[in-house]
């Protein structure tokens, strides 16, 4: 599938990492990570916010199949998605921080706007 970054991991590891990062983003509002990971997390987070805007059983099951914590999924439907009800996309912001000290990887903060 073109457009997905492999991030140097096999499929299962990459999926598990992205699930954890999206869950953590919804739980805390922002996370610090590398720019490429932030772009992938941003894409997934925006899709799930769009899904959560309509509160029905099908959408709850879609979200719960990806988000690893049930209370975070509830927060997504009750607090996060209603905040963006009148907005079509652009729910996250990526701010570049500069290179990481150890390996000079480009770092960024991704946050919910």
N, C-alpha and C. Protein backbone atom coordinates (compact mmCIF):
# COMPACT_ATOMS: atom_id res chain seq x y z
N UNK A 1 0.85 -1.17 0.00
CA UNK A 1 0.00 0.00 0.00
C UNK A 1 0.90 1.25 0.00
N UNK A 2 0.87 2.02 -1.05
CA UNK A 2 1.73 3.20 -1.10
C UNK A 2 1.27 4.25 -0.09
N UNK A 3 2.23 5.02 0.39
CA UNK A 3 1.88 6.07 1.33
C UNK A 3 2.10 5.71 2.79
N UNK A 4 2.34 4.44 3.10
CA UNK A 4 2.62 4.07 4.49
C UNK A 4 4.12 3.95 4.67
N UNK A 5 4.59 4.43 5.79
CA UNK A 5 6.01 4.35 6.11
C UNK A 5 6.26 3.07 6.90
N UNK A 6 7.35 2.37 6.60
CA UNK A 6 7.62 1.12 7.29
C UNK A 6 8.29 1.32 8.64
N UNK A 7 8.97 2.46 8.82
CA UNK A 7 9.57 2.83 10.09
C UNK A 7 10.56 1.79 10.62
N UNK A 8 11.15 1.01 9.73
CA UNK A 8 12.17 0.05 10.13
C UNK A 8 11.67 -1.09 10.98
N UNK A 9 10.39 -1.44 10.85
CA UNK A 9 9.80 -2.50 11.66
C UNK A 9 8.95 -3.41 10.80
N UNK A 10 8.75 -4.65 11.28
CA UNK A 10 7.82 -5.52 10.55
C UNK A 10 6.39 -5.07 10.86
N UNK A 11 5.44 -5.61 10.14
CA UNK A 11 4.06 -5.13 10.19
C UNK A 11 3.46 -5.16 11.60
N UNK A 12 3.62 -6.28 12.30
CA UNK A 12 3.00 -6.42 13.62
C UNK A 12 3.59 -5.41 14.62
N UNK A 13 4.91 -5.26 14.58
CA UNK A 13 5.59 -4.33 15.50
C UNK A 13 5.18 -2.89 15.19
N UNK A 14 5.13 -2.55 13.90
CA UNK A 14 4.74 -1.20 13.49
C UNK A 14 3.30 -0.89 13.91
N UNK A 15 2.40 -1.82 13.68
CA UNK A 15 1.00 -1.62 14.05
C UNK A 15 0.86 -1.44 15.56
N UNK A 16 1.55 -2.28 16.34
CA UNK A 16 1.48 -2.19 17.80
C UNK A 16 2.03 -0.85 18.28
N UNK A 17 3.13 -0.40 17.69
CA UNK A 17 3.74 0.87 18.08
C UNK A 17 2.79 2.04 17.77
N UNK A 18 2.19 2.03 16.59
CA UNK A 18 1.29 3.12 16.20
C UNK A 18 0.02 3.12 17.04
N UNK A 19 -0.51 1.93 17.37
CA UNK A 19 -1.68 1.85 18.24
C UNK A 19 -1.37 2.48 19.60
N UNK A 20 -0.20 2.14 20.15
CA UNK A 20 0.19 2.68 21.45
C UNK A 20 0.37 4.19 21.38
N UNK A 21 0.98 4.69 20.31
CA UNK A 21 1.23 6.12 20.20
C UNK A 21 -0.06 6.92 20.01
N UNK A 22 -0.99 6.40 19.21
CA UNK A 22 -2.27 7.08 19.01
C UNK A 22 -3.06 7.10 20.32
N UNK A 23 -3.05 5.98 21.04
CA UNK A 23 -3.72 5.91 22.34
C UNK A 23 -3.13 6.92 23.31
N UNK A 24 -1.81 6.99 23.35
CA UNK A 24 -1.12 7.92 24.25
C UNK A 24 -1.42 9.37 23.87
N UNK A 25 -1.50 9.65 22.56
CA UNK A 25 -1.83 11.00 22.10
C UNK A 25 -3.22 11.42 22.57
N UNK A 26 -4.20 10.53 22.42
CA UNK A 26 -5.56 10.84 22.86
C UNK A 26 -5.64 10.96 24.38
N UNK A 27 -4.82 10.19 25.09
CA UNK A 27 -4.83 10.19 26.54
C UNK A 27 -4.22 11.48 27.10
N UNK A 28 -3.11 11.94 26.51
CA UNK A 28 -2.34 13.05 27.09
C UNK A 28 -2.40 14.35 26.29
N UNK A 29 -2.87 14.30 25.07
CA UNK A 29 -2.98 15.53 24.28
C UNK A 29 -1.78 15.85 23.43
N UNK A 30 -0.58 15.41 23.85
CA UNK A 30 0.61 15.61 23.01
C UNK A 30 1.69 14.60 23.36
N UNK A 31 2.55 14.31 22.37
CA UNK A 31 3.67 13.41 22.57
C UNK A 31 4.88 13.93 21.79
N UNK A 32 6.07 13.56 22.26
CA UNK A 32 7.30 13.91 21.57
C UNK A 32 7.86 12.66 20.92
N UNK A 33 8.16 12.74 19.62
CA UNK A 33 8.64 11.59 18.87
C UNK A 33 9.41 12.09 17.65
N UNK A 34 9.81 11.17 16.78
CA UNK A 34 10.50 11.60 15.55
C UNK A 34 9.47 12.14 14.56
N UNK A 35 9.94 12.92 13.60
CA UNK A 35 9.05 13.56 12.63
C UNK A 35 8.28 12.52 11.81
N UNK A 36 8.96 11.46 11.33
CA UNK A 36 8.27 10.47 10.49
C UNK A 36 7.21 9.72 11.27
N UNK A 37 7.50 9.37 12.52
CA UNK A 37 6.48 8.72 13.35
C UNK A 37 5.33 9.68 13.61
N UNK A 38 5.64 10.94 13.86
CA UNK A 38 4.60 11.93 14.13
C UNK A 38 3.66 12.06 12.94
N UNK A 39 4.18 12.01 11.73
CA UNK A 39 3.34 12.11 10.54
C UNK A 39 2.39 10.92 10.42
N UNK A 40 2.89 9.73 10.72
CA UNK A 40 2.04 8.54 10.69
C UNK A 40 0.97 8.60 11.78
N UNK A 41 1.37 8.99 12.99
CA UNK A 41 0.42 9.09 14.11
C UNK A 41 -0.64 10.14 13.80
N UNK A 42 -0.23 11.25 13.21
CA UNK A 42 -1.16 12.32 12.85
C UNK A 42 -2.23 11.81 11.90
N UNK A 43 -1.81 11.09 10.88
CA UNK A 43 -2.73 10.54 9.89
C UNK A 43 -3.77 9.64 10.55
N UNK A 44 -3.30 8.72 11.39
CA UNK A 44 -4.21 7.79 12.06
C UNK A 44 -5.12 8.50 13.06
N UNK A 45 -4.57 9.42 13.83
CA UNK A 45 -5.36 10.13 14.85
C UNK A 45 -6.49 10.91 14.19
N UNK A 46 -6.19 11.57 13.08
CA UNK A 46 -7.22 12.36 12.40
C UNK A 46 -8.33 11.47 11.86
N UNK A 47 -7.97 10.29 11.36
CA UNK A 47 -8.98 9.35 10.88
C UNK A 47 -9.90 8.93 12.01
N UNK A 48 -9.32 8.64 13.19
CA UNK A 48 -10.14 8.16 14.30
C UNK A 48 -10.99 9.27 14.91
N UNK A 49 -10.51 10.50 14.89
CA UNK A 49 -11.35 11.61 15.36
C UNK A 49 -12.55 11.78 14.43
N UNK A 50 -12.31 11.67 13.13
CA UNK A 50 -13.40 11.79 12.15
C UNK A 50 -14.43 10.68 12.36
N UNK A 51 -13.96 9.47 12.60
CA UNK A 51 -14.86 8.34 12.86
C UNK A 51 -15.68 8.60 14.13
N UNK A 52 -15.03 9.13 15.17
CA UNK A 52 -15.67 9.31 16.48
C UNK A 52 -16.68 10.46 16.50
N UNK A 53 -16.69 11.29 15.46
CA UNK A 53 -17.65 12.39 15.42
C UNK A 53 -19.08 11.88 15.42
N UNK A 54 -19.30 10.74 14.77
CA UNK A 54 -20.63 10.13 14.76
C UNK A 54 -20.64 9.00 15.78
N UNK A 55 -21.41 9.17 16.84
CA UNK A 55 -21.41 8.23 17.96
C UNK A 55 -22.44 7.12 17.73
N UNK A 56 -22.00 6.03 17.10
CA UNK A 56 -22.88 4.87 16.95
C UNK A 56 -22.08 3.60 17.23
N UNK A 57 -22.75 2.48 17.30
CA UNK A 57 -22.13 1.23 17.69
C UNK A 57 -21.02 0.81 16.73
N UNK A 58 -21.27 0.94 15.43
CA UNK A 58 -20.27 0.55 14.44
C UNK A 58 -18.98 1.35 14.62
N UNK A 59 -19.11 2.66 14.80
CA UNK A 59 -17.93 3.50 14.96
C UNK A 59 -17.21 3.22 16.28
N UNK A 60 -17.96 2.91 17.33
CA UNK A 60 -17.33 2.55 18.61
C UNK A 60 -16.51 1.27 18.45
N UNK A 61 -17.04 0.32 17.71
CA UNK A 61 -16.30 -0.94 17.49
C UNK A 61 -15.06 -0.72 16.64
N UNK A 62 -15.16 0.16 15.63
CA UNK A 62 -13.99 0.49 14.81
C UNK A 62 -12.89 1.10 15.68
N UNK A 63 -13.26 2.04 16.53
CA UNK A 63 -12.28 2.72 17.38
C UNK A 63 -11.70 1.75 18.41
N UNK A 64 -12.56 0.96 19.05
CA UNK A 64 -12.08 0.03 20.07
C UNK A 64 -11.20 -1.09 19.49
N UNK A 65 -11.31 -1.34 18.19
CA UNK A 65 -10.44 -2.35 17.58
C UNK A 65 -9.01 -1.83 17.42
N UNK A 66 -8.82 -0.52 17.53
CA UNK A 66 -7.48 0.06 17.35
C UNK A 66 -6.93 0.67 18.64
N UNK A 67 -7.74 1.44 19.35
CA UNK A 67 -7.31 2.09 20.59
C UNK A 67 -7.15 1.02 21.67
N UNK A 68 -6.02 1.05 22.40
CA UNK A 68 -5.71 -0.05 23.32
C UNK A 68 -6.36 0.09 24.69
N UNK A 69 -6.87 1.28 25.05
CA UNK A 69 -7.49 1.47 26.36
C UNK A 69 -8.94 1.91 26.18
N UNK A 70 -9.83 1.21 26.87
CA UNK A 70 -11.26 1.49 26.71
C UNK A 70 -11.63 2.89 27.21
N UNK A 71 -11.02 3.33 28.31
CA UNK A 71 -11.34 4.66 28.84
C UNK A 71 -10.88 5.77 27.89
N UNK A 72 -9.80 5.54 27.14
CA UNK A 72 -9.32 6.52 26.15
C UNK A 72 -10.30 6.58 24.98
N UNK A 73 -10.85 5.42 24.59
CA UNK A 73 -11.85 5.41 23.52
C UNK A 73 -13.10 6.18 23.94
N UNK A 74 -13.51 6.02 25.20
CA UNK A 74 -14.65 6.78 25.71
C UNK A 74 -14.36 8.28 25.70
N UNK A 75 -13.14 8.64 26.09
CA UNK A 75 -12.73 10.05 26.08
C UNK A 75 -12.79 10.61 24.66
N UNK A 76 -12.38 9.79 23.69
CA UNK A 76 -12.41 10.21 22.28
C UNK A 76 -13.83 10.56 21.85
N UNK A 77 -14.80 9.72 22.22
CA UNK A 77 -16.19 9.96 21.82
C UNK A 77 -16.85 11.08 22.63
N UNK A 78 -16.53 11.17 23.93
CA UNK A 78 -17.23 12.12 24.81
C UNK A 78 -16.60 13.51 24.84
N UNK A 79 -15.27 13.61 24.74
CA UNK A 79 -14.59 14.90 24.90
C UNK A 79 -13.90 15.38 23.63
N UNK A 80 -13.09 14.52 23.02
CA UNK A 80 -12.22 14.96 21.92
C UNK A 80 -13.01 15.23 20.63
N UNK A 81 -13.77 14.25 20.15
CA UNK A 81 -14.50 14.40 18.88
C UNK A 81 -15.52 15.55 18.91
N UNK A 82 -16.31 15.74 19.97
CA UNK A 82 -17.26 16.87 19.97
C UNK A 82 -16.58 18.23 19.85
N UNK A 83 -15.34 18.33 20.32
CA UNK A 83 -14.59 19.58 20.24
C UNK A 83 -14.35 19.98 18.78
N UNK A 84 -14.28 18.99 17.88
CA UNK A 84 -14.00 19.24 16.46
C UNK A 84 -15.22 19.05 15.58
N UNK A 85 -16.42 19.10 16.16
CA UNK A 85 -17.65 18.81 15.42
C UNK A 85 -17.83 19.70 14.19
N UNK A 86 -17.41 20.96 14.28
CA UNK A 86 -17.61 21.90 13.18
C UNK A 86 -16.38 22.04 12.28
N UNK A 87 -15.37 21.19 12.49
CA UNK A 87 -14.11 21.30 11.76
C UNK A 87 -13.91 20.07 10.88
N UNK A 88 -13.46 20.28 9.64
CA UNK A 88 -13.22 19.16 8.73
C UNK A 88 -11.72 18.90 8.59
N UNK A 89 -11.15 18.17 9.52
CA UNK A 89 -9.73 17.83 9.45
C UNK A 89 -8.86 18.88 10.13
N UNK A 90 -7.55 18.61 10.16
CA UNK A 90 -6.62 19.52 10.79
C UNK A 90 -6.73 19.53 12.30
N UNK A 91 -6.87 18.35 12.89
CA UNK A 91 -7.06 18.24 14.34
C UNK A 91 -5.73 18.17 15.09
N UNK A 92 -4.63 17.90 14.38
CA UNK A 92 -3.33 17.76 15.04
C UNK A 92 -2.34 18.77 14.47
N UNK A 93 -1.31 19.05 15.28
CA UNK A 93 -0.24 19.96 14.87
C UNK A 93 1.09 19.27 15.14
N UNK A 94 2.00 19.33 14.17
CA UNK A 94 3.35 18.79 14.35
C UNK A 94 4.32 19.97 14.39
N UNK A 95 5.06 20.08 15.48
CA UNK A 95 6.05 21.15 15.65
C UNK A 95 7.43 20.52 15.72
N UNK A 96 8.31 20.88 14.79
CA UNK A 96 9.66 20.31 14.77
C UNK A 96 10.52 20.92 15.88
N UNK A 97 11.35 20.07 16.50
CA UNK A 97 12.17 20.49 17.63
C UNK A 97 13.66 20.55 17.31
N UNK A 98 14.10 19.90 16.24
CA UNK A 98 15.52 19.83 15.94
C UNK A 98 16.04 18.41 16.16
N UNK A 99 17.33 18.21 15.97
CA UNK A 99 17.89 16.85 16.05
C UNK A 99 17.99 16.32 17.48
N UNK A 100 17.81 15.01 17.61
CA UNK A 100 17.98 14.33 18.90
C UNK A 100 19.47 14.20 19.20
N UNK A 101 19.83 14.30 20.46
CA UNK A 101 21.23 14.32 20.86
C UNK A 101 21.98 13.04 20.49
N UNK A 102 21.39 11.88 20.70
CA UNK A 102 22.10 10.62 20.50
C UNK A 102 22.38 10.28 19.05
N UNK A 103 21.36 10.35 18.19
CA UNK A 103 21.52 9.89 16.81
C UNK A 103 21.13 10.93 15.77
N UNK A 104 20.89 12.15 16.20
CA UNK A 104 20.54 13.27 15.32
C UNK A 104 19.27 13.04 14.51
N UNK A 105 18.36 12.20 15.03
CA UNK A 105 17.07 12.02 14.37
C UNK A 105 16.24 13.29 14.58
N UNK A 106 15.54 13.73 13.55
CA UNK A 106 14.73 14.95 13.63
C UNK A 106 13.54 14.69 14.56
N UNK A 107 13.43 15.49 15.63
CA UNK A 107 12.38 15.29 16.63
C UNK A 107 11.24 16.29 16.44
N UNK A 108 10.07 15.91 16.92
CA UNK A 108 8.89 16.76 16.80
C UNK A 108 7.93 16.49 17.95
N UNK A 109 7.06 17.47 18.20
CA UNK A 109 5.96 17.29 19.14
C UNK A 109 4.69 17.26 18.32
N UNK A 110 3.86 16.23 18.54
CA UNK A 110 2.54 16.19 17.90
C UNK A 110 1.52 16.41 18.99
N UNK A 111 0.57 17.32 18.71
CA UNK A 111 -0.43 17.66 19.71
C UNK A 111 -1.78 17.85 19.07
N UNK A 112 -2.83 17.65 19.88
CA UNK A 112 -4.18 17.94 19.43
C UNK A 112 -4.39 19.44 19.55
N UNK A 113 -4.97 20.03 18.52
CA UNK A 113 -5.19 21.49 18.53
C UNK A 113 -6.43 21.81 19.34
